[in-house]
Amino acid sequence: MTLAARVAGFAGVGFILFGAGLLAMLHQRLGLGYAKDLAALSALQERLPTTLFAAGMISVTVVGGMGLFLSLCWTHAVSGPLVRVRRYLQELATNQPIEEVRFRKTDQLHRLADAFEHLIAARSRRRAAWDTSLERAERLLQDCEHWSARHPDDPSGLRQPLRDLHDVYEQMHQLFQGDASGYDR
């Protein structure tokens, strides 16, 4: 049973008991005689506005308190995941590894958590593929540089494409490292 259902159940029982108490307080025995009945009705008439005002104030306070409590519980179940998503996004922006996205069972926005976990998994796969490609490019670049060093006369015109390959490798390396400034807000 959810927290809201439990609170609503307790509130319903409380209002029933409150109504029974109010009825008992206002219930006056009549039929004792004309003068006594008029005196009882007169006393009831004098107490009625104060009693109803107090009952209304208590009801408004209880309902307001319940509303505040339930709204705080629900906003906590929504704002908690949003705070964690923001932290995870900051970690993503600064290329920090994210092990696992965790949310409480009582949190709302589970679809967002699932989507975020898929994003992290896809990012990890892309990063692994990027690492493999970058390592392969680095090995090829080193092989070409060794070949170029052994053949200084460069009969095949390999020196310029080798420089171009080196520039592309450096650009890939810089892109992979990323500039995380501006994501720390």
N, C-alpha and C. Protein backbone atom coordinates (compact mmCIF):
# COMPACT_ATOMS: atom_id res chain seq x y z
N MET A 1 0.85 -1.17 0.00
CA MET A 1 0.00 0.00 0.00
C MET A 1 0.91 1.24 0.00
N THR A 2 0.57 2.21 -0.82
CA THR A 2 1.40 3.39 -0.92
C THR A 2 1.22 4.29 0.30
N LEU A 3 2.16 5.19 0.45
CA LEU A 3 2.13 6.13 1.57
C LEU A 3 0.88 7.01 1.49
N ALA A 4 0.53 7.44 0.29
CA ALA A 4 -0.65 8.30 0.13
C ALA A 4 -1.92 7.58 0.56
N ALA A 5 -2.04 6.30 0.22
CA ALA A 5 -3.23 5.53 0.61
C ALA A 5 -3.28 5.35 2.12
N ARG A 6 -2.13 5.11 2.74
CA ARG A 6 -2.11 4.95 4.20
C ARG A 6 -2.51 6.25 4.89
N VAL A 7 -1.94 7.37 4.42
CA VAL A 7 -2.27 8.66 5.04
C VAL A 7 -3.74 8.98 4.83
N ALA A 8 -4.27 8.71 3.64
CA ALA A 8 -5.69 8.97 3.39
C ALA A 8 -6.57 8.10 4.28
N GLY A 9 -6.18 6.86 4.51
CA GLY A 9 -6.94 5.98 5.41
C GLY A 9 -6.95 6.49 6.83
N PHE A 10 -5.77 6.89 7.33
CA PHE A 10 -5.70 7.45 8.68
C PHE A 10 -6.51 8.74 8.78
N ALA A 11 -6.46 9.56 7.74
CA ALA A 11 -7.22 10.81 7.76
C ALA A 11 -8.72 10.53 7.77
N GLY A 12 -9.16 9.55 6.98
CA GLY A 12 -10.58 9.21 6.96
C GLY A 12 -11.07 8.74 8.32
N VAL A 13 -10.30 7.87 8.96
CA VAL A 13 -10.67 7.40 10.31
C VAL A 13 -10.68 8.57 11.28
N GLY A 14 -9.69 9.45 11.16
CA GLY A 14 -9.63 10.62 12.04
C GLY A 14 -10.83 11.53 11.88
N PHE A 15 -11.26 11.76 10.63
CA PHE A 15 -12.41 12.62 10.40
C PHE A 15 -13.70 11.97 10.92
N ILE A 16 -13.81 10.67 10.79
CA ILE A 16 -15.00 9.98 11.32
C ILE A 16 -15.04 10.11 12.84
N LEU A 17 -13.91 9.89 13.50
CA LEU A 17 -13.86 10.04 14.96
C LEU A 17 -14.10 11.48 15.38
N PHE A 18 -13.56 12.42 14.62
CA PHE A 18 -13.76 13.84 14.92
C PHE A 18 -15.24 14.20 14.79
N GLY A 19 -15.89 13.70 13.74
CA GLY A 19 -17.32 13.96 13.55
C GLY A 19 -18.16 13.34 14.66
N ALA A 20 -17.79 12.13 15.09
CA ALA A 20 -18.52 11.48 16.18
C ALA A 20 -18.37 12.28 17.47
N GLY A 21 -17.17 12.79 17.74
CA GLY A 21 -16.96 13.61 18.94
C GLY A 21 -17.74 14.90 18.88
N LEU A 22 -17.78 15.53 17.71
CA LEU A 22 -18.54 16.77 17.53
C LEU A 22 -20.03 16.51 17.72
N LEU A 23 -20.52 15.41 17.19
CA LEU A 23 -21.92 15.05 17.37
C LEU A 23 -22.25 14.81 18.84
N ALA A 24 -21.35 14.12 19.54
CA ALA A 24 -21.59 13.86 20.97
C ALA A 24 -21.59 15.16 21.77
N MET A 25 -20.72 16.10 21.37
CA MET A 25 -20.64 17.35 22.11
C MET A 25 -21.89 18.21 21.87
N LEU A 26 -22.41 18.18 20.64
CA LEU A 26 -23.57 19.01 20.32
C LEU A 26 -24.90 18.33 20.66
N HIS A 27 -24.88 17.05 20.88
CA HIS A 27 -26.12 16.32 21.16
C HIS A 27 -26.62 16.68 22.57
N GLN A 28 -27.82 17.19 22.60
CA GLN A 28 -28.45 17.54 23.89
C GLN A 28 -29.74 16.74 24.01
N ARG A 29 -29.99 16.28 25.18
CA ARG A 29 -31.21 15.52 25.41
C ARG A 29 -32.37 16.51 25.56
N LEU A 30 -33.38 16.30 24.74
CA LEU A 30 -34.57 17.17 24.80
C LEU A 30 -35.77 16.35 25.27
N GLY A 31 -36.87 17.04 25.55
CA GLY A 31 -38.09 16.39 25.99
C GLY A 31 -38.20 16.30 27.49
N LEU A 32 -37.40 17.08 28.19
CA LEU A 32 -37.45 17.06 29.65
C LEU A 32 -38.48 18.05 30.18
N GLY A 33 -38.92 18.90 29.36
CA GLY A 33 -39.87 19.93 29.77
C GLY A 33 -39.62 21.14 28.90
N TYR A 34 -40.67 21.94 28.75
CA TYR A 34 -40.57 23.08 27.85
C TYR A 34 -39.46 24.03 28.27
N ALA A 35 -39.38 24.40 29.51
CA ALA A 35 -38.39 25.37 29.98
C ALA A 35 -36.98 24.79 29.87
N LYS A 36 -36.82 23.52 30.23
CA LYS A 36 -35.49 22.90 30.15
C LYS A 36 -35.06 22.73 28.69
N ASP A 37 -36.00 22.41 27.80
CA ASP A 37 -35.67 22.26 26.38
C ASP A 37 -35.23 23.60 25.80
N LEU A 38 -35.94 24.69 26.15
CA LEU A 38 -35.54 26.01 25.67
C LEU A 38 -34.18 26.41 26.21
N ALA A 39 -33.90 26.09 27.46
CA ALA A 39 -32.59 26.41 28.04
C ALA A 39 -31.49 25.61 27.34
N ALA A 40 -31.74 24.33 27.04
CA ALA A 40 -30.74 23.50 26.36
C ALA A 40 -30.49 24.01 24.95
N LEU A 41 -31.58 24.36 24.23
CA LEU A 41 -31.42 24.89 22.87
C LEU A 41 -30.72 26.24 22.89
N SER A 42 -30.99 27.07 23.87
CA SER A 42 -30.33 28.37 23.99
C SER A 42 -28.83 28.19 24.24
N ALA A 43 -28.49 27.26 25.13
CA ALA A 43 -27.07 26.99 25.41
C ALA A 43 -26.38 26.42 24.17
N LEU A 44 -27.09 25.57 23.46
CA LEU A 44 -26.53 24.99 22.24
C LEU A 44 -26.32 26.06 21.18
N GLN A 45 -27.27 26.98 21.08
CA GLN A 45 -27.16 28.06 20.12
C GLN A 45 -25.97 28.95 20.44
N GLU A 46 -25.69 29.17 21.69
CA GLU A 46 -24.56 30.01 22.09
C GLU A 46 -23.23 29.30 21.81
N ARG A 47 -23.17 27.99 22.00
CA ARG A 47 -21.92 27.25 21.79
C ARG A 47 -21.69 26.89 20.32
N LEU A 48 -22.74 26.87 19.53
CA LEU A 48 -22.64 26.37 18.16
C LEU A 48 -21.63 27.13 17.30
N PRO A 49 -21.63 28.47 17.22
CA PRO A 49 -20.65 29.15 16.37
C PRO A 49 -19.20 28.86 16.79
N THR A 50 -18.94 28.89 18.09
CA THR A 50 -17.58 28.63 18.57
C THR A 50 -17.17 27.19 18.25
N THR A 51 -18.08 26.26 18.48
CA THR A 51 -17.78 24.85 18.22
C THR A 51 -17.54 24.60 16.74
N LEU A 52 -18.40 25.16 15.89
CA LEU A 52 -18.22 24.97 14.45
C LEU A 52 -16.95 25.65 13.94
N PHE A 53 -16.64 26.83 14.48
CA PHE A 53 -15.41 27.51 14.08
C PHE A 53 -14.19 26.68 14.47
N ALA A 54 -14.17 26.17 15.70
CA ALA A 54 -13.05 25.35 16.15
C ALA A 54 -12.94 24.08 15.31
N ALA A 55 -14.09 23.45 15.03
CA ALA A 55 -14.08 22.24 14.21
C ALA A 55 -13.57 22.53 12.80
N GLY A 56 -14.00 23.65 12.24
CA GLY A 56 -13.53 24.04 10.91
C GLY A 56 -12.04 24.31 10.89
N MET A 57 -11.54 25.01 11.91
CA MET A 57 -10.10 25.31 11.97
C MET A 57 -9.28 24.02 12.12
N ILE A 58 -9.76 23.12 12.95
CA ILE A 58 -9.05 21.84 13.12
C ILE A 58 -9.06 21.07 11.80
N SER A 59 -10.20 21.04 11.13
CA SER A 59 -10.30 20.32 9.85
C SER A 59 -9.36 20.93 8.81
N VAL A 60 -9.36 22.25 8.70
CA VAL A 60 -8.49 22.92 7.73
C VAL A 60 -7.03 22.66 8.05
N THR A 61 -6.67 22.70 9.33
CA THR A 61 -5.29 22.44 9.73
C THR A 61 -4.88 21.01 9.41
N VAL A 62 -5.75 20.06 9.72
CA VAL A 62 -5.42 18.65 9.45
C VAL A 62 -5.31 18.40 7.95
N VAL A 63 -6.27 18.89 7.18
CA VAL A 63 -6.23 18.69 5.73
C VAL A 63 -5.01 19.39 5.12
N GLY A 64 -4.74 20.60 5.56
CA GLY A 64 -3.56 21.31 5.07
C GLY A 64 -2.27 20.59 5.42
N GLY A 65 -2.18 20.10 6.65
CA GLY A 65 -0.99 19.35 7.05
C GLY A 65 -0.82 18.08 6.24
N MET A 66 -1.94 17.38 6.00
CA MET A 66 -1.86 16.16 5.18
C MET A 66 -1.44 16.50 3.76
N GLY A 67 -1.99 17.56 3.21
CA GLY A 67 -1.61 17.98 1.86
C GLY A 67 -0.14 18.34 1.77
N LEU A 68 0.34 19.07 2.77
CA LEU A 68 1.75 19.43 2.80
C LEU A 68 2.63 18.20 2.91
N PHE A 69 2.26 17.29 3.80
CA PHE A 69 3.04 16.06 3.99
C PHE A 69 3.09 15.24 2.71
N LEU A 70 1.93 15.04 2.08
CA LEU A 70 1.89 14.24 0.85
C LEU A 70 2.65 14.92 -0.29
N SER A 71 2.52 16.25 -0.39
CA SER A 71 3.25 16.93 -1.47
C SER A 71 4.75 16.89 -1.23
N LEU A 72 5.19 16.99 0.02
CA LEU A 72 6.62 16.86 0.30
C LEU A 72 7.13 15.46 -0.02
N CYS A 73 6.35 14.45 0.32
CA CYS A 73 6.75 13.07 0.01
C CYS A 73 6.84 12.87 -1.50
N TRP A 74 5.86 13.37 -2.23
CA TRP A 74 5.86 13.16 -3.66
C TRP A 74 6.96 13.97 -4.34
N THR A 75 7.14 15.23 -3.93
CA THR A 75 8.20 16.03 -4.57
C THR A 75 9.57 15.46 -4.25
N HIS A 76 9.73 14.86 -3.08
CA HIS A 76 11.00 14.22 -2.75
C HIS A 76 11.24 13.02 -3.68
N ALA A 77 10.17 12.31 -3.99
CA ALA A 77 10.30 11.15 -4.88
C ALA A 77 10.59 11.57 -6.32
N VAL A 78 10.31 12.83 -6.66
CA VAL A 78 10.61 13.33 -8.00
C VAL A 78 11.92 14.11 -8.01
N SER A 79 12.13 14.97 -7.02
CA SER A 79 13.33 15.80 -7.04
C SER A 79 14.59 15.00 -6.76
N GLY A 80 14.49 13.95 -5.96
CA GLY A 80 15.67 13.12 -5.69
C GLY A 80 16.28 12.54 -6.96
N PRO A 81 15.46 11.90 -7.82
CA PRO A 81 16.02 11.39 -9.07
C PRO A 81 16.55 12.49 -9.98
N LEU A 82 15.89 13.64 -9.99
CA LEU A 82 16.38 14.73 -10.84
C LEU A 82 17.74 15.23 -10.38
N VAL A 83 17.95 15.30 -9.08
CA VAL A 83 19.26 15.72 -8.56
C VAL A 83 20.32 14.70 -8.96
N ARG A 84 19.98 13.40 -8.85
CA ARG A 84 20.95 12.37 -9.23
C ARG A 84 21.22 12.40 -10.73
N VAL A 85 20.18 12.62 -11.55
CA VAL A 85 20.39 12.71 -13.00
C VAL A 85 21.30 13.89 -13.32
N ARG A 86 21.12 15.00 -12.64
CA ARG A 86 21.98 16.16 -12.88
C ARG A 86 23.43 15.82 -12.54
N ARG A 87 23.64 15.13 -11.42
CA ARG A 87 25.01 14.74 -11.04
C ARG A 87 25.59 13.78 -12.07
N TYR A 88 24.78 12.82 -12.54
CA TYR A 88 25.27 11.88 -13.55
C TYR A 88 25.62 12.61 -14.85
N LEU A 89 24.80 13.59 -15.23
CA LEU A 89 25.09 14.35 -16.44
C LEU A 89 26.39 15.14 -16.30
N GLN A 90 26.64 15.70 -15.11
CA GLN A 90 27.90 16.40 -14.89
C GLN A 90 29.07 15.44 -15.00
N GLU A 91 28.91 14.22 -14.47
CA GLU A 91 29.97 13.23 -14.59
C GLU A 91 30.19 12.84 -16.05
N LEU A 92 29.10 12.72 -16.81
CA LEU A 92 29.23 12.43 -18.23
C LEU A 92 29.97 13.54 -18.96
N ALA A 93 29.62 14.78 -18.63
CA ALA A 93 30.22 15.92 -19.31
C ALA A 93 31.72 16.03 -19.03
N THR A 94 32.14 15.57 -17.87
CA THR A 94 33.57 15.65 -17.52
C THR A 94 34.29 14.34 -17.77
N ASN A 95 33.65 13.43 -18.52
CA ASN A 95 34.24 12.14 -18.88
C ASN A 95 34.61 11.29 -17.68
N GLN A 96 33.89 11.43 -16.61
CA GLN A 96 34.11 10.56 -15.45
C GLN A 96 33.31 9.29 -15.66
N PRO A 97 33.87 8.16 -15.30
CA PRO A 97 33.12 6.91 -15.49
C PRO A 97 31.94 6.82 -14.52
N ILE A 98 30.84 6.32 -15.03
CA ILE A 98 29.64 6.12 -14.21
C ILE A 98 29.41 4.62 -14.15
N GLU A 99 29.47 4.09 -12.96
CA GLU A 99 29.32 2.65 -12.78
C GLU A 99 27.89 2.21 -13.06
N GLU A 100 26.95 2.74 -12.31
CA GLU A 100 25.56 2.31 -12.41
C GLU A 100 24.66 3.45 -11.96
N VAL A 101 23.55 3.61 -12.62
CA VAL A 101 22.57 4.61 -12.25
C VAL A 101 21.62 3.96 -11.25
N ARG A 102 21.56 4.54 -10.04
CA ARG A 102 20.72 3.93 -9.00
C ARG A 102 19.63 4.90 -8.57
N PHE A 103 18.44 4.36 -8.44
CA PHE A 103 17.31 5.10 -7.91
C PHE A 103 16.65 4.25 -6.84
N ARG A 104 16.01 4.92 -5.90
CA ARG A 104 15.27 4.20 -4.86
C ARG A 104 14.01 3.59 -5.47
N LYS A 105 13.51 2.54 -4.85
CA LYS A 105 12.28 1.91 -5.34
C LYS A 105 11.09 2.84 -5.24
N THR A 106 11.13 3.77 -4.28
CA THR A 106 10.01 4.69 -4.08
C THR A 106 10.08 5.91 -4.99
N ASP A 107 11.18 6.07 -5.71
CA ASP A 107 11.33 7.23 -6.59
C ASP A 107 10.39 7.12 -7.79
N GLN A 108 9.97 8.26 -8.26
CA GLN A 108 9.22 8.33 -9.50
C GLN A 108 10.23 8.41 -10.63
N LEU A 109 9.78 8.56 -11.82
CA LEU A 109 10.63 8.75 -12.99
C LEU A 109 11.50 7.54 -13.30
N HIS A 110 10.98 6.34 -13.09
CA HIS A 110 11.76 5.14 -13.39
C HIS A 110 12.04 5.01 -14.89
N ARG A 111 11.15 5.53 -15.72
CA ARG A 111 11.41 5.50 -17.17
C ARG A 111 12.62 6.35 -17.50
N LEU A 112 12.75 7.48 -16.83
CA LEU A 112 13.92 8.32 -17.03
C LEU A 112 15.18 7.58 -16.61
N ALA A 113 15.11 6.88 -15.50
CA ALA A 113 16.27 6.11 -15.02
C ALA A 113 16.64 5.03 -16.03
N ASP A 114 15.64 4.34 -16.57
CA ASP A 114 15.92 3.30 -17.57
C ASP A 114 16.57 3.90 -18.82
N ALA A 115 16.02 5.01 -19.28
CA ALA A 115 16.60 5.66 -20.46
C ALA A 115 18.02 6.12 -20.18
N PHE A 116 18.25 6.62 -18.98
CA PHE A 116 19.59 7.09 -18.64
C PHE A 116 20.57 5.91 -18.57
N GLU A 117 20.12 4.78 -18.04
CA GLU A 117 20.98 3.59 -18.01
C GLU A 117 21.32 3.12 -19.42
N HIS A 118 20.35 3.19 -20.34
CA HIS A 118 20.64 2.84 -21.74
C HIS A 118 21.66 3.81 -22.33
N LEU A 119 21.54 5.09 -22.00
CA LEU A 119 22.49 6.08 -22.47
C LEU A 119 23.90 5.76 -21.98
N ILE A 120 24.02 5.42 -20.71
CA ILE A 120 25.33 5.10 -20.13
C ILE A 120 25.91 3.86 -20.81
N ALA A 121 25.07 2.84 -21.04
CA ALA A 121 25.55 1.61 -21.68
C ALA A 121 26.01 1.90 -23.11
N ALA A 122 25.23 2.69 -23.85
CA ALA A 122 25.61 3.04 -25.22
C ALA A 122 26.90 3.85 -25.23
N ARG A 123 27.02 4.75 -24.27
CA ARG A 123 28.25 5.55 -24.18
C ARG A 123 29.45 4.66 -23.88
N SER A 124 29.28 3.69 -23.03
CA SER A 124 30.38 2.77 -22.70
C SER A 124 30.78 1.95 -23.93
N ARG A 125 29.79 1.50 -24.70
CA ARG A 125 30.12 0.75 -25.93
C ARG A 125 30.84 1.63 -26.93
N ARG A 126 30.36 2.86 -27.11
CA ARG A 126 31.03 3.78 -28.04
C ARG A 126 32.44 4.10 -27.57
N ARG A 127 32.60 4.27 -26.27
CA ARG A 127 33.93 4.58 -25.74
C ARG A 127 34.89 3.41 -25.98
N ALA A 128 34.41 2.19 -25.78
CA ALA A 128 35.26 1.02 -26.02
C ALA A 128 35.64 0.93 -27.50
N ALA A 129 34.67 1.18 -28.39
CA ALA A 129 34.97 1.16 -29.83
C ALA A 129 35.94 2.28 -30.19
N TRP A 130 35.76 3.44 -29.60
CA TRP A 130 36.64 4.57 -29.84
C TRP A 130 38.06 4.25 -29.35
N ASP A 131 38.17 3.66 -28.17
CA ASP A 131 39.48 3.28 -27.64
C ASP A 131 40.18 2.31 -28.58
N THR A 132 39.45 1.33 -29.08
CA THR A 132 40.04 0.35 -29.99
C THR A 132 40.51 1.02 -31.27
N SER A 133 39.68 1.90 -31.83
CA SER A 133 40.06 2.61 -33.06
C SER A 133 41.25 3.52 -32.82
N LEU A 134 41.26 4.19 -31.70
CA LEU A 134 42.36 5.11 -31.39
C LEU A 134 43.66 4.34 -31.20
N GLU A 135 43.60 3.20 -30.53
CA GLU A 135 44.81 2.38 -30.36
C GLU A 135 45.32 1.87 -31.71
N ARG A 136 44.40 1.45 -32.57
CA ARG A 136 44.80 0.97 -33.89
C ARG A 136 45.42 2.10 -34.71
N ALA A 137 44.81 3.29 -34.66
CA ALA A 137 45.37 4.43 -35.38
C ALA A 137 46.75 4.78 -34.84
N GLU A 138 46.91 4.69 -33.53
CA GLU A 138 48.22 4.99 -32.94
C GLU A 138 49.27 3.98 -33.40
N ARG A 139 48.92 2.70 -33.46
CA ARG A 139 49.87 1.67 -33.94
C ARG A 139 50.23 1.91 -35.40
N LEU A 140 49.23 2.21 -36.22
CA LEU A 140 49.50 2.49 -37.63
C LEU A 140 50.39 3.72 -37.79
N LEU A 141 50.12 4.73 -37.00
CA LEU A 141 50.93 5.94 -37.06
C LEU A 141 52.37 5.65 -36.67
N GLN A 142 52.57 4.87 -35.62
CA GLN A 142 53.93 4.52 -35.21
C GLN A 142 54.63 3.69 -36.28
N ASP A 143 53.91 2.73 -36.89
CA ASP A 143 54.51 1.93 -37.97
C ASP A 143 54.94 2.82 -39.13
N CYS A 144 54.08 3.76 -39.49
CA CYS A 144 54.41 4.67 -40.60
C CYS A 144 55.59 5.56 -40.25
N GLU A 145 55.64 6.03 -39.01
CA GLU A 145 56.77 6.87 -38.60
C GLU A 145 58.07 6.08 -38.60
N HIS A 146 58.04 4.82 -38.16
CA HIS A 146 59.23 3.98 -38.21
C HIS A 146 59.67 3.75 -39.66
N TRP A 147 58.70 3.49 -40.53
CA TRP A 147 59.03 3.29 -41.94
C TRP A 147 59.64 4.55 -42.52
N SER A 148 59.06 5.69 -42.17
CA SER A 148 59.56 6.96 -42.69
C SER A 148 60.96 7.25 -42.17
N ALA A 149 61.24 6.89 -40.92
CA ALA A 149 62.58 7.12 -40.37
C ALA A 149 63.61 6.23 -41.05
N ARG A 150 63.22 5.03 -41.44
CA ARG A 150 64.15 4.13 -42.11
C ARG A 150 64.35 4.50 -43.58
N HIS A 151 63.43 5.25 -44.13
CA HIS A 151 63.53 5.65 -45.55
C HIS A 151 63.50 7.17 -45.63
N PRO A 152 64.62 7.82 -45.32
CA PRO A 152 64.61 9.30 -45.28
C PRO A 152 64.43 9.94 -46.65
N ASP A 153 64.78 9.24 -47.72
CA ASP A 153 64.66 9.86 -49.03
C ASP A 153 63.21 9.90 -49.51
N ASP A 154 62.32 9.12 -48.91
CA ASP A 154 60.87 9.13 -49.16
C ASP A 154 60.54 9.06 -50.66
N PRO A 155 60.88 7.96 -51.29
CA PRO A 155 60.64 7.87 -52.73
C PRO A 155 59.15 7.80 -53.09
N SER A 156 58.33 7.35 -52.19
CA SER A 156 56.91 7.18 -52.55
C SER A 156 56.05 8.38 -52.19
N GLY A 157 56.61 9.42 -51.64
CA GLY A 157 55.83 10.59 -51.26
C GLY A 157 54.94 10.34 -50.05
N LEU A 158 55.45 9.56 -49.12
CA LEU A 158 54.66 9.17 -47.95
C LEU A 158 54.70 10.20 -46.83
N ARG A 159 55.66 11.10 -46.88
CA ARG A 159 55.83 12.03 -45.76
C ARG A 159 54.61 12.93 -45.54
N GLN A 160 54.04 13.51 -46.57
CA GLN A 160 52.87 14.39 -46.40
C GLN A 160 51.64 13.63 -45.91
N PRO A 161 51.28 12.47 -46.49
CA PRO A 161 50.14 11.73 -45.94
C PRO A 161 50.38 11.30 -44.49
N LEU A 162 51.65 11.04 -44.15
CA LEU A 162 51.96 10.69 -42.77
C LEU A 162 51.70 11.86 -41.83
N ARG A 163 52.05 13.06 -42.25
CA ARG A 163 51.75 14.25 -41.44
C ARG A 163 50.24 14.43 -41.30
N ASP A 164 49.53 14.22 -42.41
CA ASP A 164 48.07 14.34 -42.36
C ASP A 164 47.46 13.32 -41.40
N LEU A 165 47.97 12.08 -41.46
CA LEU A 165 47.50 11.03 -40.55
C LEU A 165 47.79 11.41 -39.10
N HIS A 166 48.96 11.98 -38.88
CA HIS A 166 49.32 12.41 -37.52
C HIS A 166 48.37 13.51 -37.03
N ASP A 167 48.05 14.46 -37.91
CA ASP A 167 47.12 15.53 -37.53
C ASP A 167 45.73 14.98 -37.21
N VAL A 168 45.27 14.04 -38.03
CA VAL A 168 43.95 13.44 -37.78
C VAL A 168 43.96 12.69 -36.45
N TYR A 169 45.04 11.97 -36.19
CA TYR A 169 45.16 11.25 -34.92
C TYR A 169 45.11 12.23 -33.75
N GLU A 170 45.81 13.32 -33.82
CA GLU A 170 45.81 14.32 -32.74
C GLU A 170 44.42 14.92 -32.55
N GLN A 171 43.73 15.20 -33.65
CA GLN A 171 42.37 15.72 -33.54
C GLN A 171 41.44 14.71 -32.86
N MET A 172 41.56 13.44 -33.26
CA MET A 172 40.73 12.40 -32.63
C MET A 172 41.04 12.30 -31.14
N HIS A 173 42.31 12.38 -30.82
CA HIS A 173 42.71 12.27 -29.41
C HIS A 173 42.15 13.45 -28.60
N GLN A 174 42.22 14.65 -29.16
CA GLN A 174 41.69 15.83 -28.46
C GLN A 174 40.17 15.75 -28.33
N LEU A 175 39.51 15.30 -29.38
CA LEU A 175 38.05 15.16 -29.31
C LEU A 175 37.65 14.14 -28.26
N PHE A 176 38.40 13.07 -28.16
CA PHE A 176 38.07 12.04 -27.18
C PHE A 176 38.25 12.56 -25.76
N GLN A 177 39.32 13.30 -25.53
CA GLN A 177 39.55 13.84 -24.20
C GLN A 177 38.47 14.84 -23.84
N GLY A 178 38.07 15.64 -24.82
CA GLY A 178 36.97 16.58 -24.60
C GLY A 178 37.35 17.73 -23.69
N ASP A 179 36.70 18.83 -23.92
CA ASP A 179 36.88 19.99 -23.06
C ASP A 179 35.64 20.08 -22.20
N ALA A 180 35.75 19.76 -20.93
CA ALA A 180 34.59 19.69 -20.04
C ALA A 180 34.27 21.03 -19.40
N SER A 181 34.99 22.08 -19.73
CA SER A 181 34.68 23.37 -19.11
C SER A 181 33.31 23.84 -19.59
N GLY A 182 32.58 24.49 -18.71
CA GLY A 182 31.24 24.94 -19.04
C GLY A 182 30.16 23.96 -18.62
N TYR A 183 30.53 22.75 -18.25
CA TYR A 183 29.55 21.75 -17.83
C TYR A 183 29.50 21.61 -16.33
N ASP A 184 30.17 22.45 -15.60
CA ASP A 184 30.26 22.28 -14.15
C ASP A 184 29.17 23.04 -13.41
N ARG A 185 28.18 23.55 -14.08
CA ARG A 185 27.11 24.28 -13.41
C ARG A 185 26.14 23.37 -12.75
